[in-house]
Amino acid sequence: MQNQITINGIAIDTSKLPTKQALLEHLKEDGGTDRGLVELRSEQSELFGNELMWHYPITDGYHAGFVVVAVQEGFLCLPYHEIYKEDYEIFELDKAELLDADSLANYISEWESFSNDLLGALNDMLSVLKEAVT
């Protein structure tokens, strides 16, 4: 990956991001949960004004969802099946992998489909409720 990238208008020096290996080792030592990302979220928010982590809460057909984390090598996908009240997402660290362009394009397409379906249904519900009042 390039040394300088821009995400959502934020200039990112990738050398200041963790490596994939270092992040996975940290998560393994910390129990493999979303709570293990708390310190990194804080550091990256301070450095970049953004956590540089994104939740994808819909299934990819194999997992309940995943969290994408910017790392030096690219964008690391941390899949999960379970979420607990105390620890939040429980990552399947052995399934963690860097996203490639094809996977990312597929996730974008799936998200747009999910989002459009949900927005359509919500707008229809709103219309039904408004009509019921008049």
N, C-alpha and C. Protein backbone atom coordinates (compact mmCIF):
# COMPACT_ATOMS: atom_id res chain seq x y z
N MET A 1 0.85 -1.18 0.00
CA MET A 1 0.00 0.00 0.00
C MET A 1 0.89 1.24 0.00
N GLN A 2 0.37 2.30 -0.54
CA GLN A 2 1.12 3.57 -0.61
C GLN A 2 1.39 4.11 0.79
N ASN A 3 2.40 4.97 0.91
CA ASN A 3 2.73 5.58 2.20
C ASN A 3 1.73 6.65 2.62
N GLN A 4 1.10 7.28 1.66
CA GLN A 4 0.09 8.30 1.94
C GLN A 4 -1.19 7.92 1.21
N ILE A 5 -2.29 7.82 1.96
CA ILE A 5 -3.59 7.55 1.35
C ILE A 5 -4.60 8.55 1.91
N THR A 6 -5.73 8.64 1.27
CA THR A 6 -6.81 9.50 1.74
C THR A 6 -8.08 8.67 1.86
N ILE A 7 -8.69 8.70 3.03
CA ILE A 7 -9.95 8.02 3.30
C ILE A 7 -10.91 9.05 3.88
N ASN A 8 -12.06 9.22 3.26
CA ASN A 8 -13.05 10.19 3.73
C ASN A 8 -12.44 11.58 3.93
N GLY A 9 -11.54 11.96 3.04
CA GLY A 9 -10.92 13.28 3.12
C GLY A 9 -9.81 13.39 4.15
N ILE A 10 -9.46 12.30 4.80
CA ILE A 10 -8.42 12.31 5.83
C ILE A 10 -7.13 11.79 5.22
N ALA A 11 -6.07 12.60 5.31
CA ALA A 11 -4.75 12.17 4.85
C ALA A 11 -4.15 11.25 5.90
N ILE A 12 -3.72 10.07 5.46
CA ILE A 12 -3.20 9.06 6.39
C ILE A 12 -1.80 8.65 5.97
N ASP A 13 -0.87 8.81 6.89
CA ASP A 13 0.48 8.29 6.72
C ASP A 13 0.43 6.83 7.18
N THR A 14 0.46 5.90 6.25
CA THR A 14 0.27 4.48 6.59
C THR A 14 1.36 3.92 7.49
N SER A 15 2.52 4.58 7.52
CA SER A 15 3.58 4.09 8.41
C SER A 15 3.20 4.27 9.88
N LYS A 16 2.18 5.08 10.17
CA LYS A 16 1.72 5.29 11.54
C LYS A 16 0.62 4.31 11.94
N LEU A 17 0.22 3.46 11.00
CA LEU A 17 -0.79 2.44 11.29
C LEU A 17 -0.11 1.18 11.81
N PRO A 18 -0.83 0.34 12.53
CA PRO A 18 -0.22 -0.93 12.96
C PRO A 18 -0.05 -1.86 11.76
N THR A 19 0.85 -2.80 11.87
CA THR A 19 0.94 -3.84 10.85
C THR A 19 -0.16 -4.86 11.13
N LYS A 20 -0.49 -5.62 10.13
CA LYS A 20 -1.48 -6.69 10.29
C LYS A 20 -1.05 -7.64 11.40
N GLN A 21 0.19 -8.07 11.35
CA GLN A 21 0.71 -9.03 12.33
C GLN A 21 0.66 -8.48 13.75
N ALA A 22 1.10 -7.24 13.93
CA ALA A 22 1.10 -6.64 15.27
C ALA A 22 -0.32 -6.51 15.81
N LEU A 23 -1.26 -6.12 14.96
CA LEU A 23 -2.64 -5.97 15.41
C LEU A 23 -3.23 -7.32 15.79
N LEU A 24 -3.00 -8.35 14.97
CA LEU A 24 -3.54 -9.67 15.28
C LEU A 24 -2.92 -10.23 16.56
N GLU A 25 -1.63 -10.03 16.76
CA GLU A 25 -0.99 -10.49 17.99
C GLU A 25 -1.58 -9.79 19.21
N HIS A 26 -1.78 -8.48 19.10
CA HIS A 26 -2.38 -7.71 20.19
C HIS A 26 -3.78 -8.23 20.51
N LEU A 27 -4.57 -8.46 19.48
CA LEU A 27 -5.93 -8.95 19.70
C LEU A 27 -5.93 -10.34 20.33
N LYS A 28 -5.03 -11.21 19.89
CA LYS A 28 -4.94 -12.56 20.48
C LYS A 28 -4.61 -12.47 21.96
N GLU A 29 -3.65 -11.62 22.30
CA GLU A 29 -3.26 -11.45 23.71
C GLU A 29 -4.39 -10.86 24.53
N ASP A 30 -5.23 -10.05 23.91
CA ASP A 30 -6.29 -9.33 24.62
C ASP A 30 -7.64 -10.04 24.54
N GLY A 31 -7.66 -11.29 24.09
CA GLY A 31 -8.89 -12.06 24.09
C GLY A 31 -9.65 -12.12 22.77
N GLY A 32 -9.17 -11.42 21.75
CA GLY A 32 -9.78 -11.51 20.42
C GLY A 32 -11.14 -10.84 20.29
N THR A 33 -11.37 -9.80 21.08
CA THR A 33 -12.66 -9.12 21.03
C THR A 33 -12.51 -7.66 20.62
N ASP A 34 -13.65 -7.03 20.37
CA ASP A 34 -13.66 -5.62 20.00
C ASP A 34 -13.04 -4.74 21.09
N ARG A 35 -13.13 -5.17 22.32
CA ARG A 35 -12.52 -4.38 23.41
C ARG A 35 -11.00 -4.24 23.21
N GLY A 36 -10.40 -5.17 22.52
CA GLY A 36 -8.97 -5.10 22.24
C GLY A 36 -8.60 -3.98 21.29
N LEU A 37 -9.59 -3.36 20.69
CA LEU A 37 -9.34 -2.25 19.75
C LEU A 37 -9.49 -0.88 20.41
N VAL A 38 -9.89 -0.83 21.68
CA VAL A 38 -10.16 0.44 22.36
C VAL A 38 -8.95 1.37 22.32
N GLU A 39 -7.79 0.86 22.68
CA GLU A 39 -6.58 1.68 22.72
C GLU A 39 -6.22 2.20 21.32
N LEU A 40 -6.31 1.32 20.32
CA LEU A 40 -6.00 1.73 18.95
C LEU A 40 -6.98 2.79 18.45
N ARG A 41 -8.26 2.62 18.78
CA ARG A 41 -9.25 3.64 18.40
C ARG A 41 -8.86 5.01 18.93
N SER A 42 -8.47 5.04 20.18
CA SER A 42 -8.08 6.29 20.83
C SER A 42 -6.84 6.89 20.16
N GLU A 43 -5.83 6.07 19.92
CA GLU A 43 -4.60 6.54 19.29
C GLU A 43 -4.87 7.10 17.89
N GLN A 44 -5.66 6.37 17.12
CA GLN A 44 -5.91 6.80 15.74
C GLN A 44 -6.82 8.02 15.69
N SER A 45 -7.73 8.11 16.61
CA SER A 45 -8.57 9.31 16.68
C SER A 45 -7.71 10.54 16.96
N GLU A 46 -6.74 10.37 17.84
CA GLU A 46 -5.84 11.48 18.17
C GLU A 46 -4.94 11.84 16.98
N LEU A 47 -4.40 10.83 16.31
CA LEU A 47 -3.49 11.06 15.18
C LEU A 47 -4.20 11.57 13.93
N PHE A 48 -5.35 10.97 13.61
CA PHE A 48 -5.99 11.23 12.33
C PHE A 48 -7.36 11.89 12.43
N GLY A 49 -7.89 12.01 13.64
CA GLY A 49 -9.24 12.56 13.79
C GLY A 49 -10.31 11.56 13.40
N ASN A 50 -9.94 10.27 13.32
CA ASN A 50 -10.85 9.20 12.93
C ASN A 50 -10.26 7.90 13.44
N GLU A 51 -11.13 6.98 13.87
CA GLU A 51 -10.67 5.68 14.38
C GLU A 51 -10.06 4.80 13.29
N LEU A 52 -10.46 5.04 12.05
CA LEU A 52 -10.04 4.23 10.90
C LEU A 52 -10.44 2.77 11.06
N MET A 53 -11.66 2.58 11.62
CA MET A 53 -12.28 1.26 11.77
C MET A 53 -13.73 1.41 11.38
N TRP A 54 -14.23 0.43 10.64
CA TRP A 54 -15.60 0.51 10.18
C TRP A 54 -16.31 -0.82 10.40
N HIS A 55 -17.52 -0.76 10.93
CA HIS A 55 -18.34 -1.95 11.16
C HIS A 55 -19.18 -2.24 9.92
N TYR A 56 -19.21 -3.48 9.53
CA TYR A 56 -20.04 -3.97 8.44
C TYR A 56 -20.97 -5.01 9.08
N PRO A 57 -22.14 -4.56 9.56
CA PRO A 57 -22.98 -5.43 10.40
C PRO A 57 -23.96 -6.32 9.66
N ILE A 58 -23.67 -6.64 8.42
CA ILE A 58 -24.53 -7.58 7.70
C ILE A 58 -23.69 -8.77 7.26
N THR A 59 -24.33 -9.90 7.13
CA THR A 59 -23.61 -11.13 6.83
C THR A 59 -22.98 -11.11 5.44
N ASP A 60 -21.86 -11.77 5.34
CA ASP A 60 -21.22 -11.97 4.04
C ASP A 60 -21.51 -13.39 3.55
N GLY A 61 -22.43 -14.07 4.23
CA GLY A 61 -22.76 -15.45 3.89
C GLY A 61 -21.99 -16.46 4.73
N TYR A 62 -20.95 -16.01 5.40
CA TYR A 62 -20.14 -16.89 6.23
C TYR A 62 -20.09 -16.42 7.69
N HIS A 63 -20.16 -15.10 7.88
CA HIS A 63 -20.04 -14.50 9.21
C HIS A 63 -21.21 -13.55 9.45
N ALA A 64 -21.47 -13.24 10.71
CA ALA A 64 -22.55 -12.32 11.05
C ALA A 64 -22.22 -10.89 10.60
N GLY A 65 -20.96 -10.58 10.52
CA GLY A 65 -20.48 -9.27 10.11
C GLY A 65 -18.98 -9.21 10.27
N PHE A 66 -18.43 -8.01 10.10
CA PHE A 66 -17.00 -7.85 10.30
C PHE A 66 -16.66 -6.39 10.57
N VAL A 67 -15.47 -6.19 11.06
CA VAL A 67 -14.92 -4.86 11.28
C VAL A 67 -13.72 -4.73 10.36
N VAL A 68 -13.63 -3.61 9.66
CA VAL A 68 -12.48 -3.33 8.80
C VAL A 68 -11.58 -2.34 9.53
N VAL A 69 -10.30 -2.68 9.61
CA VAL A 69 -9.31 -1.84 10.28
C VAL A 69 -8.20 -1.50 9.30
N ALA A 70 -7.87 -0.22 9.19
CA ALA A 70 -6.75 0.19 8.34
C ALA A 70 -5.45 -0.24 9.00
N VAL A 71 -4.62 -0.95 8.25
CA VAL A 71 -3.29 -1.37 8.70
C VAL A 71 -2.28 -0.98 7.62
N GLN A 72 -1.01 -1.11 7.93
CA GLN A 72 0.02 -0.69 6.98
C GLN A 72 -0.09 -1.38 5.63
N GLU A 73 -0.51 -2.64 5.64
CA GLU A 73 -0.55 -3.41 4.40
C GLU A 73 -1.83 -3.21 3.59
N GLY A 74 -2.84 -2.58 4.20
CA GLY A 74 -4.12 -2.38 3.50
C GLY A 74 -5.26 -2.27 4.48
N PHE A 75 -6.32 -3.06 4.26
CA PHE A 75 -7.51 -2.99 5.09
C PHE A 75 -7.84 -4.39 5.57
N LEU A 76 -7.71 -4.58 6.88
CA LEU A 76 -7.86 -5.89 7.50
C LEU A 76 -9.32 -6.13 7.88
N CYS A 77 -9.84 -7.24 7.43
CA CYS A 77 -11.21 -7.66 7.71
C CYS A 77 -11.19 -8.60 8.91
N LEU A 78 -11.88 -8.20 9.99
CA LEU A 78 -11.96 -9.01 11.20
C LEU A 78 -13.40 -9.54 11.33
N PRO A 79 -13.65 -10.77 10.87
CA PRO A 79 -15.01 -11.30 10.91
C PRO A 79 -15.42 -11.76 12.31
N TYR A 80 -16.74 -11.77 12.53
CA TYR A 80 -17.27 -12.26 13.80
C TYR A 80 -18.61 -12.96 13.57
N HIS A 81 -18.94 -13.85 14.50
CA HIS A 81 -20.24 -14.52 14.52
C HIS A 81 -21.04 -14.12 15.74
N GLU A 82 -20.34 -13.77 16.80
CA GLU A 82 -21.00 -13.50 18.07
C GLU A 82 -20.68 -12.10 18.58
N ILE A 83 -21.64 -11.56 19.34
CA ILE A 83 -21.47 -10.28 20.00
C ILE A 83 -21.94 -10.46 21.44
N TYR A 84 -21.11 -10.06 22.38
CA TYR A 84 -21.47 -10.15 23.79
C TYR A 84 -21.56 -8.76 24.39
N LYS A 85 -22.40 -8.64 25.38
CA LYS A 85 -22.65 -7.36 26.04
C LYS A 85 -21.36 -6.71 26.58
N GLU A 86 -20.50 -7.51 27.16
CA GLU A 86 -19.29 -6.96 27.79
C GLU A 86 -18.14 -6.72 26.80
N ASP A 87 -17.99 -7.64 25.85
CA ASP A 87 -16.82 -7.58 24.97
C ASP A 87 -17.15 -7.16 23.54
N TYR A 88 -18.43 -7.03 23.24
CA TYR A 88 -18.89 -6.71 21.90
C TYR A 88 -18.52 -7.83 20.92
N GLU A 89 -17.99 -7.51 19.75
CA GLU A 89 -17.71 -8.54 18.75
C GLU A 89 -16.60 -9.48 19.22
N ILE A 90 -16.83 -10.78 18.99
CA ILE A 90 -15.81 -11.80 19.27
C ILE A 90 -15.25 -12.19 17.91
N PHE A 91 -14.05 -11.75 17.62
CA PHE A 91 -13.46 -11.95 16.30
C PHE A 91 -13.00 -13.38 16.07
N GLU A 92 -13.11 -13.81 14.83
CA GLU A 92 -12.53 -15.08 14.40
C GLU A 92 -11.17 -14.74 13.78
N LEU A 93 -10.18 -14.61 14.63
CA LEU A 93 -8.88 -14.11 14.20
C LEU A 93 -8.21 -15.00 13.16
N ASP A 94 -8.49 -16.29 13.19
CA ASP A 94 -7.91 -17.18 12.19
C ASP A 94 -8.52 -16.96 10.81
N LYS A 95 -9.61 -16.23 10.73
CA LYS A 95 -10.26 -15.92 9.45
C LYS A 95 -9.97 -14.48 9.00
N ALA A 96 -9.22 -13.73 9.80
CA ALA A 96 -8.89 -12.35 9.44
C ALA A 96 -8.04 -12.33 8.18
N GLU A 97 -8.35 -11.38 7.28
CA GLU A 97 -7.57 -11.28 6.05
C GLU A 97 -7.65 -9.86 5.49
N LEU A 98 -6.67 -9.55 4.67
CA LEU A 98 -6.68 -8.26 4.00
C LEU A 98 -7.72 -8.30 2.89
N LEU A 99 -8.46 -7.21 2.76
CA LEU A 99 -9.45 -7.11 1.69
C LEU A 99 -8.76 -6.91 0.35
N ASP A 100 -9.30 -7.52 -0.68
CA ASP A 100 -8.83 -7.22 -2.03
C ASP A 100 -9.93 -6.42 -2.74
N ALA A 101 -9.62 -5.91 -3.90
CA ALA A 101 -10.55 -5.04 -4.63
C ALA A 101 -11.86 -5.77 -4.97
N ASP A 102 -11.78 -7.03 -5.36
CA ASP A 102 -13.00 -7.76 -5.71
C ASP A 102 -13.90 -7.97 -4.51
N SER A 103 -13.32 -8.34 -3.37
CA SER A 103 -14.12 -8.52 -2.16
C SER A 103 -14.77 -7.22 -1.74
N LEU A 104 -14.00 -6.15 -1.77
CA LEU A 104 -14.53 -4.86 -1.38
C LEU A 104 -15.65 -4.40 -2.31
N ALA A 105 -15.49 -4.61 -3.60
CA ALA A 105 -16.54 -4.25 -4.55
C ALA A 105 -17.81 -5.06 -4.26
N ASN A 106 -17.66 -6.33 -3.91
CA ASN A 106 -18.81 -7.16 -3.56
C ASN A 106 -19.49 -6.64 -2.30
N TYR A 107 -18.72 -6.28 -1.27
CA TYR A 107 -19.30 -5.76 -0.04
C TYR A 107 -20.04 -4.45 -0.28
N ILE A 108 -19.50 -3.62 -1.15
CA ILE A 108 -20.18 -2.36 -1.49
C ILE A 108 -21.51 -2.65 -2.15
N SER A 109 -21.53 -3.58 -3.08
CA SER A 109 -22.77 -3.96 -3.77
C SER A 109 -23.79 -4.52 -2.79
N GLU A 110 -23.34 -5.41 -1.91
CA GLU A 110 -24.24 -6.00 -0.90
C GLU A 110 -24.79 -4.93 0.03
N TRP A 111 -23.95 -3.98 0.45
CA TRP A 111 -24.40 -2.91 1.34
C TRP A 111 -25.44 -2.03 0.65
N GLU A 112 -25.19 -1.68 -0.59
CA GLU A 112 -26.15 -0.84 -1.33
C GLU A 112 -27.49 -1.56 -1.47
N SER A 113 -27.48 -2.85 -1.74
CA SER A 113 -28.71 -3.62 -1.85
C SER A 113 -29.45 -3.64 -0.52
N PHE A 114 -28.74 -3.93 0.55
CA PHE A 114 -29.32 -3.95 1.90
C PHE A 114 -29.90 -2.58 2.25
N SER A 115 -29.11 -1.55 2.03
CA SER A 115 -29.52 -0.19 2.38
C SER A 115 -30.73 0.26 1.57
N ASN A 116 -30.71 0.02 0.25
CA ASN A 116 -31.83 0.42 -0.59
C ASN A 116 -33.12 -0.29 -0.20
N ASP A 117 -33.02 -1.59 0.12
CA ASP A 117 -34.19 -2.36 0.54
C ASP A 117 -34.74 -1.81 1.85
N LEU A 118 -33.88 -1.56 2.81
CA LEU A 118 -34.31 -1.04 4.10
C LEU A 118 -34.94 0.35 3.95
N LEU A 119 -34.28 1.25 3.22
CA LEU A 119 -34.83 2.59 3.03
C LEU A 119 -36.18 2.56 2.32
N GLY A 120 -36.32 1.70 1.33
CA GLY A 120 -37.59 1.58 0.63
C GLY A 120 -38.70 1.14 1.58
N ALA A 121 -38.41 0.12 2.39
CA ALA A 121 -39.41 -0.37 3.35
C ALA A 121 -39.74 0.69 4.38
N LEU A 122 -38.74 1.38 4.92
CA LEU A 122 -39.00 2.42 5.92
C LEU A 122 -39.83 3.56 5.35
N ASN A 123 -39.52 3.98 4.13
CA ASN A 123 -40.32 5.04 3.50
C ASN A 123 -41.76 4.61 3.27
N ASP A 124 -41.95 3.35 2.86
CA ASP A 124 -43.31 2.84 2.69
C ASP A 124 -44.05 2.79 4.03
N MET A 125 -43.38 2.38 5.08
CA MET A 125 -43.98 2.36 6.41
C MET A 125 -44.41 3.75 6.84
N LEU A 126 -43.53 4.72 6.57
CA LEU A 126 -43.84 6.11 6.92
C LEU A 126 -45.07 6.59 6.17
N SER A 127 -45.18 6.26 4.90
CA SER A 127 -46.35 6.64 4.10
C SER A 127 -47.62 6.02 4.68
N VAL A 128 -47.55 4.75 5.05
CA VAL A 128 -48.71 4.06 5.63
C VAL A 128 -49.14 4.76 6.91
N LEU A 129 -48.18 5.08 7.78
CA LEU A 129 -48.52 5.73 9.04
C LEU A 129 -49.08 7.13 8.83
N LYS A 130 -48.54 7.89 7.89
CA LYS A 130 -49.04 9.23 7.60
C LYS A 130 -50.47 9.17 7.06
N GLU A 131 -50.72 8.20 6.20
CA GLU A 131 -52.06 8.03 5.64
C GLU A 131 -53.07 7.65 6.72
N ALA A 132 -52.63 6.90 7.71
CA ALA A 132 -53.52 6.46 8.78
C ALA A 132 -53.95 7.64 9.66
N VAL A 133 -53.12 8.67 9.72
CA VAL A 133 -53.41 9.85 10.54
C VAL A 133 -54.40 10.76 9.82
N THR A 134 -54.35 10.82 8.50
CA THR A 134 -55.22 11.74 7.76
C THR A 134 -56.58 11.19 7.46
